[in-house]
Amino acid sequence: MKKLLAACVFLLPCVLSAQQKRVYMDPNNPFTPTFSSALEKKKVPVTVTTDPDRADYTIQFHNGDNEGSLARGITSAITSGTWNTGAYNEVSMRVVDNKSKDVMFSYTCRKRNAMNPSETDMANSVAECLAKHWKDKLSKQ
């Protein structure tokens, strides 16, 4: 019985990793390392590969940031009492099945820059938002 239990404990990670899908992201996209970290942090059950030929899915990103304006910040402070420059960080993500070329998942996250958090904090927040929603979708399949 102990040998069977030991075999199960040893083989379980192998079986689980074999079921994980491999994903490829363009290494030239500056958002790729941020999103890759978010996948780890949110424990999304995928493996990131650097070889597009071995990937089950390809993830594509489109960034749409807005730096806001000082005039809008002043206007909002006068009219509403809160500082809001209108700045935001937005990323749209598409997950494409490499065999069928079907879009398996698509989502856009936008985070507003209320009190000027760093650009890195905003990018991390957007990446974690995308990873969380993709993980939720994968768990429903």
N, C-alpha and C. Protein backbone atom coordinates (compact mmCIF):
# COMPACT_ATOMS: atom_id res chain seq x y z
N MET A 1 0.83 -1.20 0.00
CA MET A 1 0.00 0.00 0.00
C MET A 1 0.87 1.26 0.00
N LYS A 2 1.96 1.23 0.79
CA LYS A 2 2.85 2.39 0.85
C LYS A 2 3.51 2.64 -0.49
N LYS A 3 3.84 1.54 -1.21
CA LYS A 3 4.46 1.69 -2.52
C LYS A 3 3.49 2.32 -3.51
N LEU A 4 2.22 1.94 -3.43
CA LEU A 4 1.21 2.51 -4.31
C LEU A 4 1.03 4.00 -4.03
N LEU A 5 0.98 4.35 -2.75
CA LEU A 5 0.85 5.75 -2.36
C LEU A 5 2.05 6.56 -2.82
N ALA A 6 3.24 6.01 -2.65
CA ALA A 6 4.46 6.69 -3.08
C ALA A 6 4.47 6.88 -4.59
N ALA A 7 4.01 5.87 -5.33
CA ALA A 7 3.95 5.97 -6.79
C ALA A 7 2.97 7.05 -7.21
N CYS A 8 1.83 7.13 -6.53
CA CYS A 8 0.83 8.16 -6.85
C CYS A 8 1.38 9.56 -6.58
N VAL A 9 2.05 9.71 -5.46
CA VAL A 9 2.63 11.03 -5.11
C VAL A 9 3.68 11.42 -6.13
N PHE A 10 4.46 10.46 -6.59
CA PHE A 10 5.50 10.72 -7.58
C PHE A 10 4.92 11.02 -8.96
N LEU A 11 3.91 10.27 -9.37
CA LEU A 11 3.36 10.40 -10.72
C LEU A 11 2.35 11.52 -10.87
N LEU A 12 1.72 11.95 -9.79
CA LEU A 12 0.69 12.99 -9.89
C LEU A 12 1.20 14.28 -10.53
N PRO A 13 2.36 14.83 -10.11
CA PRO A 13 2.84 16.04 -10.79
C PRO A 13 3.11 15.81 -12.27
N CYS A 14 3.58 14.63 -12.64
CA CYS A 14 3.84 14.33 -14.05
C CYS A 14 2.55 14.31 -14.86
N VAL A 15 1.51 13.69 -14.30
CA VAL A 15 0.21 13.63 -14.97
C VAL A 15 -0.38 15.03 -15.10
N LEU A 16 -0.31 15.81 -14.03
CA LEU A 16 -0.88 17.16 -14.05
C LEU A 16 -0.16 18.04 -15.06
N SER A 17 1.18 17.97 -15.10
CA SER A 17 1.91 18.82 -16.04
C SER A 17 1.67 18.37 -17.48
N ALA A 18 1.40 17.08 -17.68
CA ALA A 18 1.11 16.61 -19.03
C ALA A 18 -0.23 17.16 -19.53
N GLN A 19 -1.16 17.42 -18.62
CA GLN A 19 -2.46 17.95 -18.99
C GLN A 19 -2.43 19.45 -19.23
N GLN A 20 -1.42 20.12 -18.72
CA GLN A 20 -1.35 21.57 -18.89
C GLN A 20 -1.07 21.91 -20.35
N LYS A 21 -1.73 22.95 -20.80
CA LYS A 21 -1.50 23.43 -22.15
C LYS A 21 -0.25 24.31 -22.17
N ARG A 22 0.44 24.29 -23.29
CA ARG A 22 1.62 25.14 -23.48
C ARG A 22 1.19 26.40 -24.21
N VAL A 23 1.67 27.53 -23.73
CA VAL A 23 1.32 28.81 -24.34
C VAL A 23 2.59 29.53 -24.79
N TYR A 24 2.46 30.24 -25.89
CA TYR A 24 3.56 31.03 -26.43
C TYR A 24 3.13 32.48 -26.49
N MET A 25 4.04 33.37 -26.09
CA MET A 25 3.80 34.81 -26.17
C MET A 25 4.99 35.44 -26.88
N ASP A 26 4.73 36.46 -27.66
CA ASP A 26 5.79 37.16 -28.39
C ASP A 26 6.81 37.71 -27.40
N PRO A 27 8.07 37.26 -27.46
CA PRO A 27 9.07 37.75 -26.52
C PRO A 27 9.43 39.22 -26.73
N ASN A 28 9.08 39.79 -27.88
CA ASN A 28 9.38 41.20 -28.15
C ASN A 28 8.33 42.15 -27.59
N ASN A 29 7.19 41.61 -27.14
CA ASN A 29 6.15 42.45 -26.55
C ASN A 29 6.57 42.77 -25.11
N PRO A 30 6.65 44.05 -24.75
CA PRO A 30 7.11 44.40 -23.40
C PRO A 30 6.17 43.92 -22.29
N PHE A 31 4.94 43.54 -22.61
CA PHE A 31 3.99 43.07 -21.62
C PHE A 31 4.17 41.58 -21.30
N THR A 32 4.87 40.83 -22.16
CA THR A 32 5.04 39.39 -22.00
C THR A 32 5.63 38.98 -20.66
N PRO A 33 6.74 39.57 -20.20
CA PRO A 33 7.28 39.14 -18.90
C PRO A 33 6.34 39.45 -17.74
N THR A 34 5.63 40.54 -17.82
CA THR A 34 4.69 40.91 -16.76
C THR A 34 3.56 39.91 -16.68
N PHE A 35 3.02 39.54 -17.85
CA PHE A 35 1.92 38.57 -17.87
C PHE A 35 2.40 37.18 -17.47
N SER A 36 3.60 36.81 -17.88
CA SER A 36 4.16 35.52 -17.49
C SER A 36 4.28 35.42 -15.97
N SER A 37 4.69 36.49 -15.33
CA SER A 37 4.76 36.52 -13.86
C SER A 37 3.37 36.41 -13.24
N ALA A 38 2.40 37.07 -13.84
CA ALA A 38 1.03 37.02 -13.33
C ALA A 38 0.45 35.60 -13.44
N LEU A 39 0.81 34.87 -14.50
CA LEU A 39 0.37 33.48 -14.64
C LEU A 39 0.87 32.65 -13.47
N GLU A 40 2.11 32.87 -13.09
CA GLU A 40 2.69 32.16 -11.94
C GLU A 40 1.98 32.56 -10.65
N LYS A 41 1.82 33.86 -10.46
CA LYS A 41 1.23 34.36 -9.22
C LYS A 41 -0.20 33.87 -9.03
N LYS A 42 -0.96 33.85 -10.10
CA LYS A 42 -2.37 33.44 -10.02
C LYS A 42 -2.55 31.93 -10.21
N LYS A 43 -1.44 31.23 -10.38
CA LYS A 43 -1.46 29.76 -10.52
C LYS A 43 -2.36 29.29 -11.67
N VAL A 44 -2.21 29.93 -12.81
CA VAL A 44 -2.96 29.52 -14.00
C VAL A 44 -2.33 28.22 -14.51
N PRO A 45 -3.13 27.19 -14.74
CA PRO A 45 -2.57 25.87 -15.08
C PRO A 45 -2.11 25.76 -16.54
N VAL A 46 -1.09 26.52 -16.88
CA VAL A 46 -0.49 26.47 -18.21
C VAL A 46 1.02 26.49 -18.05
N THR A 47 1.71 26.08 -19.11
CA THR A 47 3.16 26.13 -19.15
C THR A 47 3.55 27.09 -20.26
N VAL A 48 4.42 28.04 -19.94
CA VAL A 48 4.88 29.01 -20.93
C VAL A 48 6.08 28.39 -21.66
N THR A 49 6.03 28.42 -22.99
CA THR A 49 7.13 27.90 -23.79
C THR A 49 7.70 29.01 -24.67
N THR A 50 8.97 28.88 -24.99
CA THR A 50 9.62 29.86 -25.87
C THR A 50 9.64 29.38 -27.31
N ASP A 51 9.11 28.18 -27.55
CA ASP A 51 9.07 27.60 -28.88
C ASP A 51 7.64 27.64 -29.42
N PRO A 52 7.36 28.49 -30.38
CA PRO A 52 5.98 28.59 -30.89
C PRO A 52 5.49 27.30 -31.54
N ASP A 53 6.38 26.48 -32.04
CA ASP A 53 5.98 25.21 -32.67
C ASP A 53 5.50 24.17 -31.66
N ARG A 54 5.90 24.30 -30.40
CA ARG A 54 5.49 23.35 -29.36
C ARG A 54 4.27 23.83 -28.58
N ALA A 55 3.80 25.03 -28.86
CA ALA A 55 2.71 25.63 -28.09
C ALA A 55 1.34 25.15 -28.59
N ASP A 56 0.44 24.98 -27.63
CA ASP A 56 -0.95 24.68 -27.96
C ASP A 56 -1.70 25.97 -28.28
N TYR A 57 -1.35 27.03 -27.56
CA TYR A 57 -2.00 28.33 -27.73
C TYR A 57 -0.95 29.42 -27.94
N THR A 58 -1.35 30.46 -28.66
CA THR A 58 -0.55 31.67 -28.78
C THR A 58 -1.35 32.80 -28.16
N ILE A 59 -0.70 33.56 -27.30
CA ILE A 59 -1.36 34.69 -26.65
C ILE A 59 -0.89 35.97 -27.32
N GLN A 60 -1.85 36.79 -27.71
CA GLN A 60 -1.56 38.07 -28.36
C GLN A 60 -2.07 39.19 -27.47
N PHE A 61 -1.28 40.27 -27.38
CA PHE A 61 -1.65 41.42 -26.56
C PHE A 61 -1.76 42.67 -27.42
N HIS A 62 -2.68 43.53 -27.01
CA HIS A 62 -2.78 44.87 -27.61
C HIS A 62 -2.87 45.86 -26.46
N ASN A 63 -1.90 46.76 -26.39
CA ASN A 63 -1.87 47.75 -25.30
C ASN A 63 -2.54 49.04 -25.76
N GLY A 64 -3.29 49.66 -24.85
CA GLY A 64 -3.96 50.92 -25.13
C GLY A 64 -3.90 51.85 -23.94
N ASP A 65 -2.73 52.38 -23.64
CA ASP A 65 -2.57 53.24 -22.47
C ASP A 65 -2.96 54.69 -22.77
N ASN A 66 -3.32 55.40 -21.72
CA ASN A 66 -3.62 56.83 -21.81
C ASN A 66 -2.94 57.49 -20.62
N GLU A 67 -2.10 58.47 -20.88
CA GLU A 67 -1.36 59.13 -19.81
C GLU A 67 -2.18 60.17 -19.06
N GLY A 68 -3.36 60.49 -19.55
CA GLY A 68 -4.18 61.50 -18.88
C GLY A 68 -3.63 62.90 -19.11
N SER A 69 -4.18 63.87 -18.36
CA SER A 69 -3.70 65.24 -18.54
C SER A 69 -3.78 66.01 -17.22
N LEU A 70 -2.89 66.95 -17.07
CA LEU A 70 -2.86 67.80 -15.89
C LEU A 70 -4.14 68.64 -15.82
N ALA A 71 -4.60 69.14 -16.98
CA ALA A 71 -5.82 69.96 -17.01
C ALA A 71 -7.02 69.17 -16.51
N ARG A 72 -7.12 67.92 -16.91
CA ARG A 72 -8.24 67.10 -16.45
C ARG A 72 -8.14 66.85 -14.95
N GLY A 73 -6.92 66.64 -14.45
CA GLY A 73 -6.72 66.44 -13.02
C GLY A 73 -7.17 67.66 -12.22
N ILE A 74 -6.80 68.85 -12.69
CA ILE A 74 -7.19 70.10 -12.01
C ILE A 74 -8.71 70.27 -12.07
N THR A 75 -9.27 70.06 -13.24
CA THR A 75 -10.72 70.21 -13.41
C THR A 75 -11.48 69.25 -12.50
N SER A 76 -11.04 68.00 -12.44
CA SER A 76 -11.74 67.03 -11.60
C SER A 76 -11.57 67.38 -10.12
N ALA A 77 -10.42 67.92 -9.74
CA ALA A 77 -10.20 68.30 -8.34
C ALA A 77 -11.13 69.45 -7.95
N ILE A 78 -11.34 70.38 -8.87
CA ILE A 78 -12.21 71.53 -8.59
C ILE A 78 -13.68 71.10 -8.55
N THR A 79 -14.09 70.30 -9.52
CA THR A 79 -15.51 69.97 -9.63
C THR A 79 -15.96 68.86 -8.68
N SER A 80 -15.08 67.87 -8.43
CA SER A 80 -15.51 66.73 -7.61
C SER A 80 -14.72 66.56 -6.32
N GLY A 81 -13.64 67.31 -6.19
CA GLY A 81 -12.82 67.20 -4.99
C GLY A 81 -11.85 66.04 -5.02
N THR A 82 -11.77 65.32 -6.13
CA THR A 82 -10.80 64.21 -6.25
C THR A 82 -9.92 64.43 -7.47
N TRP A 83 -8.66 64.05 -7.34
CA TRP A 83 -7.71 64.20 -8.42
C TRP A 83 -7.84 63.02 -9.38
N ASN A 84 -8.19 63.30 -10.64
CA ASN A 84 -8.33 62.25 -11.64
C ASN A 84 -7.86 62.81 -12.98
N THR A 85 -6.67 62.36 -13.41
CA THR A 85 -6.12 62.85 -14.68
C THR A 85 -6.71 62.12 -15.88
N GLY A 86 -7.44 61.03 -15.62
CA GLY A 86 -7.99 60.22 -16.72
C GLY A 86 -7.00 59.19 -17.24
N ALA A 87 -5.87 59.04 -16.57
CA ALA A 87 -4.87 58.07 -17.01
C ALA A 87 -5.35 56.65 -16.74
N TYR A 88 -5.00 55.75 -17.64
CA TYR A 88 -5.32 54.34 -17.43
C TYR A 88 -4.32 53.47 -18.18
N ASN A 89 -4.30 52.22 -17.81
CA ASN A 89 -3.51 51.20 -18.48
C ASN A 89 -4.50 50.14 -18.93
N GLU A 90 -4.50 49.82 -20.21
CA GLU A 90 -5.46 48.87 -20.76
C GLU A 90 -4.72 47.87 -21.66
N VAL A 91 -5.03 46.60 -21.48
CA VAL A 91 -4.45 45.56 -22.33
C VAL A 91 -5.57 44.60 -22.73
N SER A 92 -5.65 44.33 -24.02
CA SER A 92 -6.55 43.31 -24.54
C SER A 92 -5.72 42.07 -24.83
N MET A 93 -6.27 40.92 -24.50
CA MET A 93 -5.57 39.66 -24.69
C MET A 93 -6.44 38.72 -25.52
N ARG A 94 -5.80 38.02 -26.45
CA ARG A 94 -6.47 36.99 -27.24
C ARG A 94 -5.68 35.71 -27.12
N VAL A 95 -6.35 34.60 -26.84
CA VAL A 95 -5.71 33.29 -26.80
C VAL A 95 -6.21 32.52 -28.02
N VAL A 96 -5.27 32.18 -28.90
CA VAL A 96 -5.61 31.51 -30.16
C VAL A 96 -5.11 30.07 -30.13
N ASP A 97 -6.00 29.13 -30.47
CA ASP A 97 -5.62 27.72 -30.58
C ASP A 97 -4.76 27.58 -31.83
N ASN A 98 -3.56 27.06 -31.68
CA ASN A 98 -2.63 26.98 -32.81
C ASN A 98 -3.06 26.00 -33.89
N LYS A 99 -3.84 24.97 -33.55
CA LYS A 99 -4.28 24.00 -34.55
C LYS A 99 -5.48 24.50 -35.33
N SER A 100 -6.51 24.92 -34.62
CA SER A 100 -7.75 25.32 -35.29
C SER A 100 -7.77 26.79 -35.70
N LYS A 101 -6.88 27.59 -35.10
CA LYS A 101 -6.83 29.05 -35.31
C LYS A 101 -8.06 29.76 -34.74
N ASP A 102 -8.81 29.06 -33.91
CA ASP A 102 -9.96 29.65 -33.23
C ASP A 102 -9.49 30.48 -32.04
N VAL A 103 -10.21 31.56 -31.76
CA VAL A 103 -9.95 32.35 -30.57
C VAL A 103 -10.62 31.65 -29.40
N MET A 104 -9.81 31.17 -28.46
CA MET A 104 -10.32 30.40 -27.33
C MET A 104 -10.76 31.29 -26.18
N PHE A 105 -10.16 32.48 -26.08
CA PHE A 105 -10.46 33.39 -24.99
C PHE A 105 -10.03 34.78 -25.40
N SER A 106 -10.81 35.75 -25.01
CA SER A 106 -10.48 37.15 -25.28
C SER A 106 -11.00 37.99 -24.11
N TYR A 107 -10.17 38.91 -23.65
CA TYR A 107 -10.56 39.72 -22.51
C TYR A 107 -9.76 41.02 -22.51
N THR A 108 -10.37 42.08 -22.00
CA THR A 108 -9.70 43.37 -21.86
C THR A 108 -9.79 43.82 -20.41
N CYS A 109 -8.65 44.21 -19.87
CA CYS A 109 -8.62 44.78 -18.51
C CYS A 109 -8.12 46.21 -18.60
N ARG A 110 -8.80 47.08 -17.89
CA ARG A 110 -8.40 48.49 -17.81
C ARG A 110 -8.33 48.88 -16.35
N LYS A 111 -7.21 49.44 -15.97
CA LYS A 111 -7.02 49.93 -14.60
C LYS A 111 -6.77 51.43 -14.66
N ARG A 112 -7.54 52.16 -13.88
CA ARG A 112 -7.40 53.62 -13.84
C ARG A 112 -6.28 54.00 -12.90
N ASN A 113 -5.64 55.10 -13.24
CA ASN A 113 -4.56 55.63 -12.43
C ASN A 113 -5.12 56.77 -11.59
N ALA A 114 -5.66 56.44 -10.43
CA ALA A 114 -6.31 57.45 -9.60
C ALA A 114 -5.32 58.41 -8.95
N MET A 115 -4.34 57.87 -8.27
CA MET A 115 -3.40 58.72 -7.53
C MET A 115 -1.96 58.50 -7.97
N ASN A 116 -1.74 58.31 -9.24
CA ASN A 116 -0.42 58.14 -9.83
C ASN A 116 0.40 56.98 -9.28
N PRO A 117 -0.15 55.76 -9.23
CA PRO A 117 0.73 54.64 -8.89
C PRO A 117 1.73 54.45 -10.02
N SER A 118 2.81 53.75 -9.76
CA SER A 118 3.84 53.61 -10.78
C SER A 118 3.30 52.85 -11.98
N GLU A 119 3.95 53.07 -13.10
CA GLU A 119 3.57 52.40 -14.34
C GLU A 119 3.68 50.88 -14.18
N THR A 120 4.69 50.43 -13.44
CA THR A 120 4.88 49.00 -13.19
C THR A 120 3.73 48.44 -12.38
N ASP A 121 3.27 49.17 -11.35
CA ASP A 121 2.13 48.71 -10.54
C ASP A 121 0.88 48.56 -11.40
N MET A 122 0.65 49.51 -12.28
CA MET A 122 -0.53 49.44 -13.14
C MET A 122 -0.44 48.26 -14.10
N ALA A 123 0.74 48.03 -14.68
CA ALA A 123 0.92 46.90 -15.61
C ALA A 123 0.74 45.58 -14.87
N ASN A 124 1.28 45.47 -13.66
CA ASN A 124 1.12 44.26 -12.86
C ASN A 124 -0.36 44.01 -12.55
N SER A 125 -1.07 45.07 -12.22
CA SER A 125 -2.49 44.96 -11.89
C SER A 125 -3.29 44.48 -13.10
N VAL A 126 -3.00 45.01 -14.26
CA VAL A 126 -3.69 44.60 -15.48
C VAL A 126 -3.35 43.14 -15.81
N ALA A 127 -2.08 42.77 -15.69
CA ALA A 127 -1.67 41.40 -15.99
C ALA A 127 -2.35 40.41 -15.05
N GLU A 128 -2.44 40.75 -13.77
CA GLU A 128 -3.09 39.86 -12.81
C GLU A 128 -4.59 39.76 -13.09
N CYS A 129 -5.20 40.84 -13.53
CA CYS A 129 -6.61 40.83 -13.91
C CYS A 129 -6.83 39.86 -15.07
N LEU A 130 -5.99 39.95 -16.11
CA LEU A 130 -6.11 39.06 -17.26
C LEU A 130 -5.88 37.60 -16.86
N ALA A 131 -4.86 37.36 -16.05
CA ALA A 131 -4.55 35.99 -15.62
C ALA A 131 -5.69 35.40 -14.81
N LYS A 132 -6.26 36.20 -13.92
CA LYS A 132 -7.37 35.73 -13.08
C LYS A 132 -8.57 35.32 -13.93
N HIS A 133 -8.94 36.18 -14.89
CA HIS A 133 -10.11 35.88 -15.71
C HIS A 133 -9.87 34.69 -16.64
N TRP A 134 -8.65 34.54 -17.13
CA TRP A 134 -8.35 33.39 -17.97
C TRP A 134 -8.37 32.11 -17.13
N LYS A 135 -7.84 32.16 -15.92
CA LYS A 135 -7.86 31.00 -15.03
C LYS A 135 -9.32 30.59 -14.74
N ASP A 136 -10.17 31.59 -14.49
CA ASP A 136 -11.60 31.29 -14.25
C ASP A 136 -12.21 30.59 -15.46
N LYS A 137 -11.89 31.04 -16.65
CA LYS A 137 -12.41 30.43 -17.88
C LYS A 137 -11.90 28.99 -18.02
N LEU A 138 -10.60 28.78 -17.76
CA LEU A 138 -10.03 27.44 -17.87
C LEU A 138 -10.64 26.47 -16.86
N SER A 139 -10.96 26.97 -15.67
CA SER A 139 -11.53 26.09 -14.65
C SER A 139 -12.95 25.66 -14.99
N LYS A 140 -13.64 26.41 -15.85
CA LYS A 140 -15.00 26.07 -16.25
C LYS A 140 -15.04 25.09 -17.42
N GLN A 141 -13.89 24.87 -18.06
CA GLN A 141 -13.85 23.96 -19.21
C GLN A 141 -13.73 22.53 -18.76
